[in-house]
Every structure is written in structure tokens, then in C-alpha cells.
Amino acid sequence: MTIAKRLIVLLTVPLLALIGLGVFTRLQLRDIERDGRFVAEMQIPSLAGLGNISRAITELRVELRNHILATTDAERSNIQSEFNRNRAELNRLLTDYEERLVSDERDGRLLNEYRSLSREWLAGATEVMSISAQGRRDVVC
């Protein structure tokens, strides 16, 4: 092998390595960009939506407690209307989450399970509020 051929091999190998490294880096950057876009467009809004859903459930729990502790019918009526408003808000938030933010099959399954459990809780809360409105606090507490 002549010196010219050796020099060509010595220059070609590093150039091929650099080209391969450049292609690999480009592919990795494309994957990072795709994942970053997914996080920015789906995961962050999903977390915000879940925070709003959690807040709505917490407000419903507080209103249930306030309804049980209320001493007048007018107070119970105000709390009941606020409870109904927040129940509608919770349903709106869950529907919005389902339409815009469900990212995969597992997420949809978990949402359906959460929706089912929240319906059960709301049915129980409504029953407790009904008993409380009748003045039977001994049964509720």
C-alpha cells in the first residue's frame, strides 16, 4: 500500500465516523424534539386539567361538610346550589379532559374508572345531603 492510499484511508475513516456521528446526533435530536413537543402539548395541559379536577372534587367535599354542619335551611339551600354548580363544573372538566387530553388507551381507561368512582361518591354525597336536610344529623355523623 502506497503512502497516498494510506493517507486516503486515514482521512476517510475519521470523515465516515464524523458523518455517522452527525446522522446519529440528528436522529437523537429529532426524537428529543418529538418527546418535548408531546410533553408541552399533552402532558402539561393534562396536569393542569387534573389539578382543576382535583380542585373541583375538593370543593365538593368542603360543600358536603358545610352542608352537614349548616344550621339553617337557607344556608343548606345555598350550599346545595353551590354543590350542584361545582358538580356541573366537574362534569365539564372531565368531558374536556376526555375530549382534548386523553393521550392513550391506559389514560382513557383510568379516566373512565375515575369518572365511575366520582359518580359513586357523588351519589353517596347526595344521599348524605338529603339525610342532613331532613335534620337527621345523628345518622350522618
N, C-alpha and C. Protein backbone atom coordinates (compact mmCIF):
# COMPACT_ATOMS: atom_id res chain seq x y z
N MET A 1 0.86 -1.17 0.00
CA MET A 1 0.00 0.00 0.00
C MET A 1 0.91 1.24 0.00
N THR A 2 0.58 2.12 -0.87
CA THR A 2 1.40 3.31 -1.03
C THR A 2 1.00 4.35 0.03
N ILE A 3 1.84 5.34 0.16
CA ILE A 3 1.60 6.41 1.12
C ILE A 3 0.32 7.16 0.77
N ALA A 4 0.02 7.36 -0.48
CA ALA A 4 -1.19 8.07 -0.91
C ALA A 4 -2.43 7.31 -0.49
N LYS A 5 -2.40 5.98 -0.67
CA LYS A 5 -3.55 5.18 -0.27
C LYS A 5 -3.72 5.21 1.25
N ARG A 6 -2.63 5.16 1.98
CA ARG A 6 -2.69 5.22 3.44
C ARG A 6 -3.26 6.56 3.91
N LEU A 7 -2.86 7.62 3.27
CA LEU A 7 -3.39 8.94 3.64
C LEU A 7 -4.88 9.03 3.33
N ILE A 8 -5.29 8.46 2.22
CA ILE A 8 -6.72 8.47 1.88
C ILE A 8 -7.51 7.69 2.94
N VAL A 9 -7.02 6.53 3.35
CA VAL A 9 -7.70 5.72 4.39
C VAL A 9 -7.72 6.49 5.70
N LEU A 10 -6.61 7.13 6.06
CA LEU A 10 -6.55 7.88 7.30
C LEU A 10 -7.51 9.07 7.31
N LEU A 11 -7.77 9.64 6.15
CA LEU A 11 -8.72 10.75 6.07
C LEU A 11 -10.16 10.25 5.95
N THR A 12 -10.37 9.15 5.26
CA THR A 12 -11.72 8.63 5.02
C THR A 12 -12.35 8.08 6.29
N VAL A 13 -11.61 7.33 7.07
CA VAL A 13 -12.16 6.72 8.29
C VAL A 13 -12.68 7.79 9.26
N PRO A 14 -11.92 8.82 9.60
CA PRO A 14 -12.46 9.84 10.50
C PRO A 14 -13.66 10.59 9.89
N LEU A 15 -13.59 10.84 8.57
CA LEU A 15 -14.72 11.53 7.93
C LEU A 15 -15.98 10.68 7.99
N LEU A 16 -15.87 9.39 7.73
CA LEU A 16 -17.02 8.50 7.83
C LEU A 16 -17.54 8.43 9.27
N ALA A 17 -16.63 8.41 10.23
CA ALA A 17 -17.03 8.40 11.64
C ALA A 17 -17.78 9.69 11.99
N LEU A 18 -17.29 10.82 11.53
CA LEU A 18 -17.96 12.10 11.78
C LEU A 18 -19.33 12.15 11.12
N ILE A 19 -19.43 11.66 9.89
CA ILE A 19 -20.72 11.64 9.21
C ILE A 19 -21.70 10.73 9.96
N GLY A 20 -21.24 9.55 10.39
CA GLY A 20 -22.09 8.63 11.17
C GLY A 20 -22.53 9.26 12.48
N LEU A 21 -21.61 9.92 13.16
CA LEU A 21 -21.94 10.60 14.40
C LEU A 21 -22.94 11.72 14.17
N GLY A 22 -22.78 12.45 13.07
CA GLY A 22 -23.72 13.52 12.74
C GLY A 22 -25.13 12.99 12.47
N VAL A 23 -25.22 11.88 11.74
CA VAL A 23 -26.53 11.26 11.45
C VAL A 23 -27.16 10.78 12.75
N PHE A 24 -26.38 10.11 13.59
CA PHE A 24 -26.89 9.61 14.87
C PHE A 24 -27.38 10.77 15.75
N THR A 25 -26.61 11.84 15.80
CA THR A 25 -27.00 13.01 16.60
C THR A 25 -28.28 13.62 16.08
N ARG A 26 -28.41 13.71 14.76
CA ARG A 26 -29.62 14.27 14.16
C ARG A 26 -30.85 13.44 14.50
N LEU A 27 -30.72 12.11 14.46
CA LEU A 27 -31.84 11.23 14.81
C LEU A 27 -32.22 11.39 16.28
N GLN A 28 -31.22 11.48 17.13
CA GLN A 28 -31.49 11.65 18.57
C GLN A 28 -32.16 12.99 18.85
N LEU A 29 -31.72 14.04 18.20
CA LEU A 29 -32.32 15.36 18.38
C LEU A 29 -33.77 15.37 17.89
N ARG A 30 -34.05 14.66 16.81
CA ARG A 30 -35.43 14.56 16.31
C ARG A 30 -36.33 13.87 17.34
N ASP A 31 -35.82 12.80 17.96
CA ASP A 31 -36.59 12.10 18.99
C ASP A 31 -36.81 12.98 20.22
N ILE A 32 -35.79 13.72 20.61
CA ILE A 32 -35.92 14.63 21.75
C ILE A 32 -36.94 15.72 21.46
N GLU A 33 -36.90 16.25 20.25
CA GLU A 33 -37.86 17.28 19.86
C GLU A 33 -39.29 16.73 19.89
N ARG A 34 -39.48 15.52 19.36
CA ARG A 34 -40.81 14.90 19.36
C ARG A 34 -41.32 14.70 20.78
N ASP A 35 -40.45 14.18 21.66
CA ASP A 35 -40.85 13.97 23.05
C ASP A 35 -41.12 15.28 23.77
N GLY A 36 -40.31 16.28 23.50
CA GLY A 36 -40.53 17.59 24.11
C GLY A 36 -41.84 18.22 23.67
N ARG A 37 -42.17 18.06 22.39
CA ARG A 37 -43.44 18.57 21.87
C ARG A 37 -44.62 17.85 22.54
N PHE A 38 -44.49 16.53 22.71
CA PHE A 38 -45.54 15.75 23.37
C PHE A 38 -45.76 16.25 24.80
N VAL A 39 -44.67 16.48 25.51
CA VAL A 39 -44.78 16.98 26.88
C VAL A 39 -45.44 18.35 26.90
N ALA A 40 -45.01 19.23 26.02
CA ALA A 40 -45.54 20.59 26.01
C ALA A 40 -46.99 20.65 25.57
N GLU A 41 -47.37 19.81 24.61
CA GLU A 41 -48.73 19.89 24.07
C GLU A 41 -49.73 19.01 24.80
N MET A 42 -49.28 17.91 25.43
CA MET A 42 -50.23 16.99 26.06
C MET A 42 -50.05 16.89 27.58
N GLN A 43 -48.85 16.66 28.02
CA GLN A 43 -48.64 16.36 29.44
C GLN A 43 -48.86 17.56 30.35
N ILE A 44 -48.34 18.71 29.97
CA ILE A 44 -48.51 19.90 30.81
C ILE A 44 -49.98 20.31 30.88
N PRO A 45 -50.70 20.39 29.75
CA PRO A 45 -52.14 20.68 29.86
C PRO A 45 -52.90 19.59 30.62
N SER A 46 -52.46 18.33 30.50
CA SER A 46 -53.11 17.25 31.25
C SER A 46 -52.95 17.47 32.75
N LEU A 47 -51.76 17.83 33.17
CA LEU A 47 -51.53 18.09 34.59
C LEU A 47 -52.37 19.26 35.08
N ALA A 48 -52.48 20.29 34.26
CA ALA A 48 -53.32 21.43 34.64
C ALA A 48 -54.78 21.00 34.73
N GLY A 49 -55.24 20.19 33.78
CA GLY A 49 -56.61 19.69 33.81
C GLY A 49 -56.87 18.83 35.03
N LEU A 50 -55.92 17.96 35.37
CA LEU A 50 -56.07 17.13 36.56
C LEU A 50 -56.08 17.96 37.83
N GLY A 51 -55.31 19.03 37.85
CA GLY A 51 -55.33 19.93 39.00
C GLY A 51 -56.69 20.59 39.16
N ASN A 52 -57.29 21.00 38.05
CA ASN A 52 -58.63 21.60 38.11
C ASN A 52 -59.67 20.59 38.55
N ILE A 53 -59.55 19.35 38.09
CA ILE A 53 -60.48 18.30 38.51
C ILE A 53 -60.32 18.04 40.00
N SER A 54 -59.10 17.98 40.46
CA SER A 54 -58.84 17.76 41.90
C SER A 54 -59.42 18.90 42.74
N ARG A 55 -59.25 20.12 42.25
CA ARG A 55 -59.80 21.28 42.96
C ARG A 55 -61.33 21.19 43.04
N ALA A 56 -61.97 20.79 41.94
CA ALA A 56 -63.43 20.69 41.91
C ALA A 56 -63.91 19.63 42.91
N ILE A 57 -63.22 18.50 42.97
CA ILE A 57 -63.60 17.44 43.93
C ILE A 57 -63.41 17.94 45.35
N THR A 58 -62.33 18.66 45.60
CA THR A 58 -62.08 19.20 46.94
C THR A 58 -63.18 20.18 47.34
N GLU A 59 -63.59 21.03 46.41
CA GLU A 59 -64.68 21.97 46.71
C GLU A 59 -65.98 21.24 47.00
N LEU A 60 -66.23 20.16 46.29
CA LEU A 60 -67.43 19.36 46.56
C LEU A 60 -67.37 18.74 47.96
N ARG A 61 -66.20 18.27 48.35
CA ARG A 61 -66.05 17.70 49.70
C ARG A 61 -66.28 18.76 50.77
N VAL A 62 -65.76 19.95 50.55
CA VAL A 62 -65.94 21.04 51.52
C VAL A 62 -67.42 21.41 51.60
N GLU A 63 -68.09 21.47 50.46
CA GLU A 63 -69.51 21.82 50.47
C GLU A 63 -70.35 20.75 51.14
N LEU A 64 -69.97 19.49 50.97
CA LEU A 64 -70.67 18.41 51.69
C LEU A 64 -70.52 18.60 53.19
N ARG A 65 -69.31 18.87 53.63
CA ARG A 65 -69.07 19.10 55.06
C ARG A 65 -69.87 20.30 55.56
N ASN A 66 -69.84 21.39 54.78
CA ASN A 66 -70.58 22.59 55.18
C ASN A 66 -72.08 22.33 55.23
N HIS A 67 -72.57 21.51 54.33
CA HIS A 67 -74.00 21.18 54.33
C HIS A 67 -74.37 20.43 55.59
N ILE A 68 -73.51 19.50 55.98
CA ILE A 68 -73.78 18.74 57.21
C ILE A 68 -73.74 19.64 58.43
N LEU A 69 -72.83 20.60 58.44
CA LEU A 69 -72.68 21.49 59.60
C LEU A 69 -73.62 22.68 59.58
N ALA A 70 -74.34 22.89 58.48
CA ALA A 70 -75.24 24.05 58.37
C ALA A 70 -76.36 23.95 59.41
N THR A 71 -76.76 25.11 59.90
CA THR A 71 -77.79 25.13 60.95
C THR A 71 -79.15 25.61 60.45
N THR A 72 -79.18 26.26 59.29
CA THR A 72 -80.46 26.75 58.78
C THR A 72 -80.74 26.19 57.39
N ASP A 73 -82.02 26.19 57.04
CA ASP A 73 -82.41 25.69 55.71
C ASP A 73 -81.88 26.60 54.60
N ALA A 74 -81.85 27.90 54.86
CA ALA A 74 -81.35 28.84 53.85
C ALA A 74 -79.87 28.57 53.57
N GLU A 75 -79.13 28.32 54.63
CA GLU A 75 -77.71 28.01 54.49
C GLU A 75 -77.53 26.71 53.69
N ARG A 76 -78.33 25.70 54.03
CA ARG A 76 -78.26 24.43 53.31
C ARG A 76 -78.63 24.61 51.84
N SER A 77 -79.61 25.43 51.57
CA SER A 77 -80.03 25.68 50.20
C SER A 77 -78.92 26.34 49.39
N ASN A 78 -78.26 27.33 49.97
CA ASN A 78 -77.14 27.99 49.28
C ASN A 78 -76.01 27.01 49.02
N ILE A 79 -75.71 26.20 50.01
CA ILE A 79 -74.63 25.23 49.87
C ILE A 79 -75.02 24.19 48.81
N GLN A 80 -76.29 23.77 48.81
CA GLN A 80 -76.75 22.79 47.82
C GLN A 80 -76.62 23.34 46.40
N SER A 81 -76.98 24.60 46.20
CA SER A 81 -76.86 25.18 44.85
C SER A 81 -75.39 25.30 44.44
N GLU A 82 -74.53 25.63 45.38
CA GLU A 82 -73.09 25.69 45.09
C GLU A 82 -72.55 24.29 44.78
N PHE A 83 -73.03 23.30 45.51
CA PHE A 83 -72.64 21.90 45.27
C PHE A 83 -73.05 21.50 43.86
N ASN A 84 -74.28 21.82 43.46
CA ASN A 84 -74.76 21.47 42.13
C ASN A 84 -73.97 22.18 41.04
N ARG A 85 -73.60 23.44 41.28
CA ARG A 85 -72.80 24.18 40.32
C ARG A 85 -71.42 23.53 40.15
N ASN A 86 -70.81 23.14 41.27
CA ASN A 86 -69.49 22.51 41.20
C ASN A 86 -69.57 21.10 40.62
N ARG A 87 -70.68 20.42 40.80
CA ARG A 87 -70.86 19.11 40.19
C ARG A 87 -70.89 19.26 38.67
N ALA A 88 -71.62 20.26 38.20
CA ALA A 88 -71.67 20.52 36.76
C ALA A 88 -70.28 20.91 36.24
N GLU A 89 -69.54 21.70 37.01
CA GLU A 89 -68.19 22.08 36.63
C GLU A 89 -67.28 20.85 36.56
N LEU A 90 -67.42 19.94 37.51
CA LEU A 90 -66.62 18.71 37.50
C LEU A 90 -66.94 17.90 36.24
N ASN A 91 -68.20 17.76 35.91
CA ASN A 91 -68.58 17.03 34.70
C ASN A 91 -68.01 17.70 33.45
N ARG A 92 -68.02 19.02 33.42
CA ARG A 92 -67.47 19.75 32.28
C ARG A 92 -65.96 19.51 32.18
N LEU A 93 -65.27 19.56 33.32
CA LEU A 93 -63.83 19.35 33.32
C LEU A 93 -63.47 17.92 32.87
N LEU A 94 -64.23 16.94 33.33
CA LEU A 94 -63.97 15.56 32.94
C LEU A 94 -64.22 15.37 31.44
N THR A 95 -65.27 15.97 30.93
CA THR A 95 -65.57 15.87 29.50
C THR A 95 -64.47 16.55 28.68
N ASP A 96 -64.04 17.72 29.12
CA ASP A 96 -62.97 18.44 28.44
C ASP A 96 -61.69 17.61 28.44
N TYR A 97 -61.38 17.00 29.58
CA TYR A 97 -60.18 16.16 29.66
C TYR A 97 -60.29 14.99 28.68
N GLU A 98 -61.47 14.38 28.64
CA GLU A 98 -61.67 13.23 27.76
C GLU A 98 -61.53 13.62 26.29
N GLU A 99 -62.06 14.77 25.92
CA GLU A 99 -62.04 15.18 24.52
C GLU A 99 -60.68 15.69 24.05
N ARG A 100 -59.94 16.35 24.93
CA ARG A 100 -58.72 17.01 24.48
C ARG A 100 -57.42 16.39 25.00
N LEU A 101 -57.45 15.74 26.15
CA LEU A 101 -56.19 15.44 26.83
C LEU A 101 -55.90 13.97 27.05
N VAL A 102 -56.80 13.08 26.67
CA VAL A 102 -56.51 11.65 26.81
C VAL A 102 -55.45 11.29 25.77
N SER A 103 -54.32 10.77 26.26
CA SER A 103 -53.18 10.56 25.36
C SER A 103 -53.06 9.13 24.86
N ASP A 104 -53.60 8.17 25.59
CA ASP A 104 -53.52 6.79 25.13
C ASP A 104 -54.64 5.97 25.76
N GLU A 105 -54.65 4.69 25.45
CA GLU A 105 -55.71 3.80 25.91
C GLU A 105 -55.73 3.69 27.44
N ARG A 106 -54.56 3.60 28.04
CA ARG A 106 -54.47 3.49 29.50
C ARG A 106 -55.03 4.74 30.17
N ASP A 107 -54.70 5.89 29.63
CA ASP A 107 -55.20 7.16 30.16
C ASP A 107 -56.73 7.19 30.08
N GLY A 108 -57.28 6.74 28.97
CA GLY A 108 -58.74 6.69 28.81
C GLY A 108 -59.38 5.73 29.80
N ARG A 109 -58.74 4.58 30.03
CA ARG A 109 -59.26 3.61 30.99
C ARG A 109 -59.25 4.18 32.41
N LEU A 110 -58.16 4.85 32.77
CA LEU A 110 -58.08 5.45 34.10
C LEU A 110 -59.11 6.57 34.27
N LEU A 111 -59.34 7.34 33.21
CA LEU A 111 -60.35 8.39 33.27
C LEU A 111 -61.73 7.79 33.49
N ASN A 112 -62.06 6.72 32.77
CA ASN A 112 -63.36 6.08 32.95
C ASN A 112 -63.52 5.52 34.37
N GLU A 113 -62.46 4.96 34.91
CA GLU A 113 -62.50 4.45 36.29
C GLU A 113 -62.71 5.60 37.27
N TYR A 114 -62.00 6.70 37.05
CA TYR A 114 -62.15 7.87 37.92
C TYR A 114 -63.56 8.43 37.83
N ARG A 115 -64.08 8.51 36.63
CA ARG A 115 -65.44 9.02 36.42
C ARG A 115 -66.45 8.14 37.15
N SER A 116 -66.28 6.84 37.06
CA SER A 116 -67.19 5.90 37.73
C SER A 116 -67.12 6.06 39.25
N LEU A 117 -65.91 6.15 39.78
CA LEU A 117 -65.75 6.31 41.23
C LEU A 117 -66.28 7.66 41.72
N SER A 118 -66.09 8.70 40.92
CA SER A 118 -66.60 10.01 41.32
C SER A 118 -68.13 10.02 41.28
N ARG A 119 -68.74 9.30 40.33
CA ARG A 119 -70.21 9.18 40.31
C ARG A 119 -70.71 8.49 41.57
N GLU A 120 -70.01 7.43 41.98
CA GLU A 120 -70.40 6.74 43.23
C GLU A 120 -70.29 7.69 44.42
N TRP A 121 -69.19 8.44 44.48
CA TRP A 121 -69.02 9.36 45.60
C TRP A 121 -70.11 10.43 45.58
N LEU A 122 -70.41 10.97 44.40
CA LEU A 122 -71.44 12.00 44.29
C LEU A 122 -72.81 11.46 44.69
N ALA A 123 -73.10 10.22 44.35
CA ALA A 123 -74.38 9.62 44.75
C ALA A 123 -74.44 9.50 46.27
N GLY A 124 -73.34 9.07 46.87
CA GLY A 124 -73.28 8.98 48.33
C GLY A 124 -73.38 10.34 48.99
N ALA A 125 -72.71 11.33 48.41
CA ALA A 125 -72.76 12.69 48.96
C ALA A 125 -74.16 13.26 48.87
N THR A 126 -74.84 13.00 47.76
CA THR A 126 -76.21 13.48 47.59
C THR A 126 -77.13 12.84 48.64
N GLU A 127 -76.92 11.55 48.88
CA GLU A 127 -77.72 10.86 49.90
C GLU A 127 -77.45 11.45 51.29
N VAL A 128 -76.19 11.70 51.60
CA VAL A 128 -75.84 12.30 52.90
C VAL A 128 -76.47 13.69 53.03
N MET A 129 -76.45 14.47 51.96
CA MET A 129 -77.04 15.80 52.00
C MET A 129 -78.56 15.72 52.18
N SER A 130 -79.16 14.73 51.59
CA SER A 130 -80.60 14.54 51.75
C SER A 130 -80.94 14.20 53.20
N ILE A 131 -80.17 13.31 53.77
CA ILE A 131 -80.38 12.94 55.18
C ILE A 131 -80.14 14.14 56.07
N SER A 132 -79.08 14.90 55.78
CA SER A 132 -78.76 16.09 56.57
C SER A 132 -79.87 17.13 56.47
N ALA A 133 -80.44 17.29 55.27
CA ALA A 133 -81.53 18.28 55.07
C ALA A 133 -82.77 17.91 55.87
N GLN A 134 -82.95 16.64 56.14
CA GLN A 134 -84.09 16.18 56.94
C GLN A 134 -83.85 16.40 58.44
N GLY A 135 -82.65 16.85 58.77
CA GLY A 135 -82.33 17.12 60.17
C GLY A 135 -81.87 15.91 60.94
N ARG A 136 -81.52 14.87 60.26
CA ARG A 136 -81.08 13.64 60.92
C ARG A 136 -79.55 13.60 61.00
N ARG A 137 -78.99 14.55 61.72
CA ARG A 137 -77.53 14.66 61.81
C ARG A 137 -76.92 13.50 62.55
N ASP A 138 -77.69 12.84 63.42
CA ASP A 138 -77.15 11.70 64.15
C ASP A 138 -76.81 10.54 63.21
N VAL A 139 -77.57 10.39 62.13
CA VAL A 139 -77.31 9.33 61.15
C VAL A 139 -76.08 9.67 60.32
N VAL A 140 -75.93 10.93 59.97
CA VAL A 140 -74.83 11.37 59.12
C VAL A 140 -73.51 11.31 59.86
N CYS A 141 -73.50 11.82 61.05
CA CYS A 141 -72.25 11.88 61.82
C CYS A 141 -71.94 10.54 62.41
